[in-house]
């Protein structure tokens, strides 16, 4: 089957446009988040502004509950890996369990949820 020149150009342009949209959607938006690292269940069910304690957050994480970042504005960020297959991020967050952190990376949003591929995370300075 032979395609006409105009039709072939239209197909190529469509494929390139679709590729650009997919790549743009898959890169995420750069963001810096300040907030607390805590157990995901507590973040949703207890209405906390900050963790109960570092020990509690660590115990929940070691029991298998995912750690999340509860931002200062109340948004919850689910840490994710940017690999396929993906991997849990508790090992990266466990040293900061119960602490206030500043995390930077790329955020992905879907259906009201925010996921964060963490590129850098550090404990925030103690507030006076």
Protein backbone atom coordinates (compact mmCIF):
# COMPACT_ATOMS: atom_id res chain seq x y z
CA UNK A 1 0.00 0.00 0.00
CA UNK A 2 1.42 3.34 -1.04
CA UNK A 3 0.56 6.49 0.93
CA UNK A 4 0.14 9.89 -0.66
CA UNK A 5 2.71 12.52 0.33
CA UNK A 6 0.18 14.66 2.24
CA UNK A 7 -1.24 11.68 4.12
CA UNK A 8 2.23 10.40 5.05
CA UNK A 9 3.23 13.86 6.34
CA UNK A 10 0.01 14.05 8.36
CA UNK A 11 0.73 10.67 9.97
CA UNK A 12 4.32 11.65 10.81
CA UNK A 13 3.17 14.99 12.27
CA UNK A 14 0.50 13.23 14.36
CA UNK A 15 2.97 10.68 15.72
CA UNK A 16 5.46 13.43 16.61
CA UNK A 17 2.77 15.50 18.35
CA UNK A 18 1.54 12.48 20.32
CA UNK A 19 5.11 11.60 21.30
CA UNK A 20 5.69 15.16 22.55
CA UNK A 21 2.53 15.04 24.67
CA UNK A 22 3.43 11.64 26.17
CA UNK A 23 7.00 12.73 26.95
CA UNK A 24 5.83 16.00 28.51
CA UNK A 25 3.32 14.14 30.69
CA UNK A 26 5.89 11.57 31.80
CA UNK A 27 8.57 14.01 32.97
CA UNK A 28 6.61 15.59 35.82
CA UNK A 29 6.75 19.16 37.03
CA UNK A 30 9.74 20.32 39.13
CA UNK A 31 8.71 21.14 42.69
CA UNK A 32 10.08 21.73 46.18
CA UNK A 33 7.93 20.52 49.07
CA UNK A 34 8.33 21.40 52.74
CA UNK A 35 6.53 19.23 55.24
CA UNK A 36 6.61 16.27 57.60
CA UNK A 37 7.42 12.64 56.85
CA UNK A 38 4.80 10.44 58.46
CA UNK A 39 2.82 7.24 58.10
CA UNK A 40 0.29 7.39 55.27
CA UNK A 41 -2.55 6.00 57.41
CA UNK A 42 -2.03 8.69 60.06
CA UNK A 43 -1.87 11.36 57.38
CA UNK A 44 -5.38 10.43 56.25
CA UNK A 45 -7.16 9.08 59.32
CA UNK A 46 -5.88 11.20 62.20
CA UNK A 47 -6.08 14.71 60.70
CA UNK A 48 -2.58 15.50 61.95
CA UNK A 49 -0.66 18.67 61.19
CA UNK A 50 2.57 16.87 62.10
CA UNK A 51 3.58 13.35 63.17
CA UNK A 52 2.81 12.06 66.66
CA UNK A 53 6.49 11.08 67.04
CA UNK A 54 9.46 9.88 65.05
CA UNK A 55 9.26 6.50 66.80
CA UNK A 56 5.63 6.06 65.76
CA UNK A 57 6.39 6.93 62.12
CA UNK A 58 9.36 4.52 62.06
CA UNK A 59 7.34 1.70 63.64
CA UNK A 60 4.55 2.09 61.08
CA UNK A 61 7.06 2.17 58.20
CA UNK A 62 8.83 -0.93 59.47
CA UNK A 63 5.43 -2.66 59.66
CA UNK A 64 4.97 -1.94 55.94
CA UNK A 65 2.96 1.27 55.86
CA UNK A 66 4.17 3.70 53.19
CA UNK A 67 5.64 6.96 54.42
CA UNK A 68 4.37 10.17 52.82
CA UNK A 69 5.17 13.85 53.00
CA UNK A 70 2.48 16.03 54.54
CA UNK A 71 3.12 19.49 53.12
CA UNK A 72 2.67 22.68 55.11
CA UNK A 73 -0.51 23.45 53.12
CA UNK A 74 -2.04 20.04 53.96
CA UNK A 75 -1.33 18.36 50.61
CA UNK A 76 -0.08 14.79 50.82
CA UNK A 77 2.72 13.65 48.49
CA UNK A 78 3.18 9.94 47.80
CA UNK A 79 6.89 9.27 47.13
CA UNK A 80 7.37 7.09 44.06
CA UNK A 81 10.26 5.75 42.01
CA UNK A 82 10.63 6.70 38.37
CA UNK A 83 11.68 3.18 37.42
CA UNK A 84 9.70 0.31 35.97
CA UNK A 85 9.16 -1.89 37.79
CA UNK A 86 8.80 0.63 40.56
CA UNK A 87 10.08 0.23 44.10
CA UNK A 88 8.98 1.43 47.52
CA UNK A 89 10.50 4.64 48.85
CA UNK A 90 10.41 3.94 52.60
CA UNK A 91 14.17 3.29 52.68
CA UNK A 92 14.76 6.80 51.32
CA UNK A 93 12.33 8.38 53.80
CA UNK A 94 12.99 6.30 56.93
CA UNK A 95 15.96 8.44 58.09
CA UNK A 96 13.57 11.42 58.11
CA UNK A 97 10.54 9.71 59.72
CA UNK A 98 8.75 12.14 62.02
CA UNK A 99 10.89 15.07 60.90
CA UNK A 100 10.21 18.19 58.91
CA UNK A 101 11.94 18.01 55.53
CA UNK A 102 12.52 19.88 52.33
CA UNK A 103 12.21 17.58 49.32
CA UNK A 104 12.71 18.51 45.71
CA UNK A 105 11.94 16.49 42.64
CA UNK A 106 9.21 15.99 40.08
CA UNK A 107 5.53 15.86 40.91
CA UNK A 108 2.91 13.87 39.02
CA UNK A 109 -0.77 14.49 39.62
CA UNK A 110 -3.72 12.33 38.77
CA UNK A 111 -7.25 12.06 40.12
CA UNK A 112 -6.59 14.36 43.06
CA UNK A 113 -3.41 12.57 44.16
CA UNK A 114 0.13 13.92 44.05
CA UNK A 115 3.14 11.65 43.67
CA UNK A 116 6.71 12.84 44.07
CA UNK A 117 9.87 11.42 42.53
CA UNK A 118 12.35 12.64 45.13
CA UNK A 119 15.64 13.86 43.71
CA UNK A 120 16.87 15.50 46.94
CA UNK A 121 15.63 15.37 50.52
CA UNK A 122 17.06 16.91 53.66
CA UNK A 123 15.94 17.68 57.17
CA UNK A 124 14.64 21.23 57.57
CA UNK A 125 16.40 23.40 60.10
CA UNK A 126 14.78 23.43 63.53
CA UNK A 127 12.30 26.27 63.91
CA UNK A 128 12.91 28.78 66.69
